[in-house]
N, C-alpha and C. Protein backbone atom coordinates (compact mmCIF):
# COMPACT_ATOMS: atom_id res chain seq x y z
N UNK A 1 14.87 -26.76 -18.76
CA UNK A 1 15.15 -26.36 -17.08
C UNK A 1 15.93 -25.06 -17.51
N UNK A 2 15.29 -24.21 -16.16
CA UNK A 2 15.46 -23.07 -15.52
C UNK A 2 17.16 -22.79 -15.36
N UNK A 3 17.69 -22.18 -15.37
CA UNK A 3 18.99 -21.72 -15.43
C UNK A 3 18.48 -20.70 -14.14
N UNK A 4 17.74 -20.33 -13.66
CA UNK A 4 17.66 -20.18 -12.13
C UNK A 4 16.28 -20.31 -11.70
N UNK A 5 16.42 -20.67 -9.94
CA UNK A 5 15.38 -21.10 -9.84
C UNK A 5 13.75 -19.66 -9.68
N UNK A 6 12.77 -20.05 -10.38
CA UNK A 6 12.20 -19.35 -10.64
C UNK A 6 11.05 -19.26 -9.03
N UNK A 7 10.61 -17.67 -8.33
CA UNK A 7 9.29 -17.43 -7.38
C UNK A 7 8.80 -17.71 -7.57
N UNK A 8 7.69 -18.20 -7.18
CA UNK A 8 6.46 -18.15 -7.68
C UNK A 8 5.47 -17.20 -7.10
N UNK A 9 6.47 -16.46 -6.18
CA UNK A 9 5.46 -15.41 -4.87
C UNK A 9 5.93 -13.61 -6.21
N UNK A 10 6.37 -14.20 -7.19
CA UNK A 10 7.01 -12.98 -7.87
C UNK A 10 6.16 -13.35 -9.34
N UNK A 11 5.76 -14.24 -9.03
CA UNK A 11 4.80 -14.28 -11.07
C UNK A 11 3.48 -13.44 -10.45
N UNK A 12 3.63 -12.68 -11.10
CA UNK A 12 1.48 -12.17 -11.34
C UNK A 12 0.94 -13.21 -12.60
N UNK A 13 0.25 -12.91 -12.81
CA UNK A 13 -0.61 -13.17 -14.31
C UNK A 13 -0.76 -11.54 -15.20
N UNK A 14 -0.75 -11.65 -16.45
CA UNK A 14 -0.83 -10.48 -16.91
C UNK A 14 -2.23 -10.71 -17.93
N UNK A 15 -2.83 -9.22 -17.16
CA UNK A 15 -3.80 -9.74 -17.86
C UNK A 15 -4.73 -9.85 -19.64
N UNK A 16 -5.64 -10.48 -19.99
CA UNK A 16 -6.27 -10.43 -21.00
C UNK A 16 -7.04 -9.91 -21.04
N UNK A 17 -7.43 -9.28 -22.21
CA UNK A 17 -8.02 -8.96 -22.77
C UNK A 17 -9.09 -9.59 -24.31
N UNK A 18 -10.27 -10.36 -23.36
CA UNK A 18 -10.43 -11.72 -24.75
C UNK A 18 -10.02 -12.49 -25.49
N UNK A 19 -10.48 -13.09 -26.28
CA UNK A 19 -9.15 -14.98 -26.61
C UNK A 19 -8.45 -14.17 -27.91
N UNK A 20 -7.67 -15.10 -28.06
CA UNK A 20 -7.06 -15.15 -29.32
C UNK A 20 -6.67 -17.03 -30.25
N UNK A 21 -7.06 -17.03 -31.33
CA UNK A 21 -7.16 -18.27 -31.37
C UNK A 21 -4.92 -18.12 -31.71
N UNK A 22 -5.94 -19.66 -31.01
CA UNK A 22 -4.57 -20.14 -31.04
C UNK A 22 -3.78 -21.04 -32.60
N UNK A 23 -2.65 -20.61 -32.57
CA UNK A 23 -1.80 -20.56 -33.75
C UNK A 23 -0.11 -21.20 -34.18
N UNK A 24 -0.08 -22.49 -34.91
CA UNK A 24 1.75 -22.89 -34.85
C UNK A 24 2.87 -21.67 -34.96
N UNK A 25 2.35 -20.48 -34.95
CA UNK A 25 3.74 -20.16 -36.01
C UNK A 25 3.52 -18.44 -35.43
N UNK A 26 3.01 -18.43 -33.84
CA UNK A 26 2.92 -17.12 -33.32
C UNK A 26 4.15 -17.49 -32.16
N UNK A 27 4.78 -16.24 -32.18
CA UNK A 27 5.33 -16.42 -30.51
C UNK A 27 5.95 -15.63 -30.09
N UNK A 28 5.48 -16.22 -29.10
CA UNK A 28 4.60 -14.85 -27.27
C UNK A 28 6.23 -14.78 -26.57
N UNK A 29 6.93 -13.59 -26.17
CA UNK A 29 8.07 -13.06 -25.32
C UNK A 29 7.73 -12.79 -24.53
N UNK A 30 8.60 -12.81 -23.78
CA UNK A 30 7.93 -12.10 -21.93
C UNK A 30 9.19 -11.08 -22.37
N UNK A 31 8.74 -9.50 -22.13
CA UNK A 31 9.62 -9.00 -21.60
C UNK A 31 9.49 -8.44 -20.05
N UNK A 32 11.07 -8.20 -19.59
CA UNK A 32 10.75 -7.41 -18.62
C UNK A 32 10.11 -5.37 -18.79
N UNK A 33 9.92 -4.88 -17.34
CA UNK A 33 9.07 -3.91 -17.91
C UNK A 33 9.05 -3.32 -16.72
N UNK A 34 8.79 -1.53 -16.19
CA UNK A 34 9.39 -0.91 -15.38
C UNK A 34 8.04 -1.10 -14.30
N UNK A 35 6.74 -0.93 -15.40
CA UNK A 35 5.77 -1.57 -13.95
C UNK A 35 4.97 -2.33 -15.08
N UNK A 36 5.84 -3.73 -14.71
CA UNK A 36 5.45 -5.35 -15.11
C UNK A 36 6.16 -5.57 -16.16
N UNK A 37 5.74 -7.44 -16.43
CA UNK A 37 5.86 -8.27 -17.69
C UNK A 37 5.15 -6.85 -18.01
N UNK A 38 5.77 -7.05 -19.57
CA UNK A 38 5.08 -6.74 -20.97
C UNK A 38 5.25 -8.19 -22.55
N UNK A 39 4.34 -8.26 -22.56
CA UNK A 39 4.00 -9.79 -23.49
C UNK A 39 4.79 -9.07 -25.33
N UNK A 40 5.14 -9.44 -25.85
CA UNK A 40 5.90 -9.14 -27.57
C UNK A 40 5.85 -10.23 -28.12
N UNK A 41 4.24 -10.23 -28.95
CA UNK A 41 4.33 -11.15 -30.38
C UNK A 41 4.60 -10.91 -31.54
N UNK A 42 5.09 -11.86 -32.24
CA UNK A 42 5.72 -12.70 -33.16
C UNK A 42 5.02 -13.13 -33.86
N UNK A 43 4.95 -12.67 -35.54
CA UNK A 43 4.19 -13.69 -37.05
C UNK A 43 5.66 -14.45 -37.08
N UNK A 44 5.73 -15.47 -37.46
CA UNK A 44 6.40 -16.90 -37.70
C UNK A 44 5.83 -17.13 -39.03
N UNK A 45 5.70 -16.74 -39.57
CA UNK A 45 4.71 -17.33 -41.15
C UNK A 45 5.78 -17.39 -42.17
N UNK A 46 6.37 -16.13 -42.38
CA UNK A 46 7.63 -16.03 -43.20
C UNK A 46 8.77 -16.86 -42.71
N UNK A 47 8.81 -17.33 -41.89
CA UNK A 47 9.64 -18.38 -41.21
C UNK A 47 10.61 -17.01 -39.76
N UNK A 48 11.55 -18.01 -39.63
CA UNK A 48 12.09 -18.09 -38.02
C UNK A 48 12.92 -16.48 -38.47
N UNK A 49 13.64 -16.64 -40.12
CA UNK A 49 14.59 -15.78 -39.93
C UNK A 49 13.41 -14.13 -40.43
N UNK A 50 12.75 -14.11 -40.60
CA UNK A 50 11.57 -12.93 -41.15
C UNK A 50 10.28 -12.91 -39.96
N UNK A 51 11.18 -12.58 -38.66
CA UNK A 51 9.47 -12.48 -37.76
C UNK A 51 8.59 -11.54 -38.08
N UNK A 52 7.39 -11.06 -38.05
CA UNK A 52 7.04 -9.85 -38.13
C UNK A 52 6.21 -9.50 -37.15
N UNK A 53 6.85 -8.88 -35.70
CA UNK A 53 5.96 -7.99 -34.72
C UNK A 53 4.72 -7.82 -35.10
N UNK A 54 4.16 -8.23 -34.06
CA UNK A 54 2.55 -7.68 -34.26
C UNK A 54 2.00 -6.95 -32.68
N UNK A 55 3.51 -6.94 -31.66
CA UNK A 55 3.29 -5.86 -30.48
C UNK A 55 3.10 -6.65 -29.55
N UNK A 56 2.18 -6.13 -28.73
CA UNK A 56 1.03 -7.14 -27.39
C UNK A 56 -0.02 -7.40 -27.88
N UNK A 57 -0.21 -8.63 -26.71
CA UNK A 57 -1.15 -10.06 -26.88
C UNK A 57 -2.63 -8.88 -27.62
N UNK A 58 -2.40 -7.98 -27.23
CA UNK A 58 -3.43 -7.36 -26.99
C UNK A 58 -3.76 -6.16 -28.85
N UNK A 59 -2.70 -5.96 -28.98
CA UNK A 59 -2.62 -5.40 -30.08
C UNK A 59 -2.30 -6.75 -31.63
N UNK A 60 -2.18 -8.06 -30.85
CA UNK A 60 -1.94 -8.63 -32.44
C UNK A 60 -3.82 -10.07 -31.92
N UNK A 61 -4.20 -9.50 -30.86
CA UNK A 61 -5.44 -10.40 -30.99
C UNK A 61 -6.40 -9.85 -31.86
N UNK A 62 -6.49 -8.97 -32.75
CA UNK A 62 -7.04 -8.80 -34.49
C UNK A 62 -6.80 -9.08 -34.98
N UNK A 63 -5.36 -8.34 -35.66
CA UNK A 63 -3.84 -9.57 -36.14
C UNK A 63 -4.44 -10.13 -36.28
N UNK A 64 -4.22 -11.34 -35.28
CA UNK A 64 -4.59 -13.02 -35.14
C UNK A 64 -5.62 -13.38 -35.54
N UNK A 65 -6.73 -13.23 -35.16
CA UNK A 65 -7.63 -13.11 -35.29
C UNK A 65 -8.80 -12.82 -36.40
N UNK A 66 -8.28 -12.25 -36.80
CA UNK A 66 -8.30 -12.07 -38.37
C UNK A 66 -7.82 -13.60 -39.63
N UNK A 67 -6.60 -13.03 -39.42
CA UNK A 67 -6.22 -13.94 -40.30
C UNK A 67 -6.52 -16.14 -40.68
N UNK A 68 -6.25 -15.01 -42.60
CA UNK A 68 -6.65 -16.20 -42.94
C UNK A 68 -5.61 -17.48 -43.49
N UNK A 69 -4.67 -17.39 -42.95
CA UNK A 69 -3.55 -18.57 -43.25
C UNK A 69 -3.93 -20.08 -42.24
N UNK A 70 -5.05 -21.01 -43.48
CA UNK A 70 -4.90 -21.97 -43.86
C UNK A 70 -4.46 -23.19 -42.52
N UNK A 71 -3.52 -23.42 -42.89
CA UNK A 71 -2.81 -24.24 -42.44
C UNK A 71 -1.90 -24.19 -41.16
N UNK A 72 -2.47 -22.74 -39.66
CA UNK A 72 -1.34 -22.75 -39.10
C UNK A 72 -2.42 -22.66 -38.53
N UNK A 73 -3.83 -22.67 -38.09
CA UNK A 73 -4.37 -22.79 -37.17
C UNK A 73 -4.41 -24.04 -36.15
N UNK A 74 -4.56 -24.10 -35.11
CA UNK A 74 -4.30 -25.65 -34.78
C UNK A 74 -5.96 -26.16 -34.42
N UNK A 75 -6.27 -27.13 -34.36
CA UNK A 75 -6.53 -28.24 -34.42
C UNK A 75 -8.57 -28.67 -33.80
N UNK A 76 -7.75 -27.79 -32.67
CA UNK A 76 -8.79 -27.61 -32.33
C UNK A 76 -9.63 -26.37 -32.15
N UNK A 77 -8.90 -25.57 -33.07
CA UNK A 77 -9.47 -23.52 -33.82
C UNK A 77 -10.13 -24.17 -34.09
N UNK A 78 -10.85 -25.02 -35.16
CA UNK A 78 -11.69 -24.83 -36.74
C UNK A 78 -12.91 -25.41 -36.08
């Protein structure tokens, strides 16, 4: 449950450029920024104690799509 009500008039979709594979260990955070929201992507393959920062969604797309860890992909991605 959100602590503060979400005002849908302020919500703006974050533009995407391309598809990223769906994964069970990727953590995505939306961070506030001066020119609009920014997405921070972390890989939790090594555990929550050791997140691997991958940058923005566009920066992470190449890394995530090239990942060879066979146990992390969602069933609908094979």
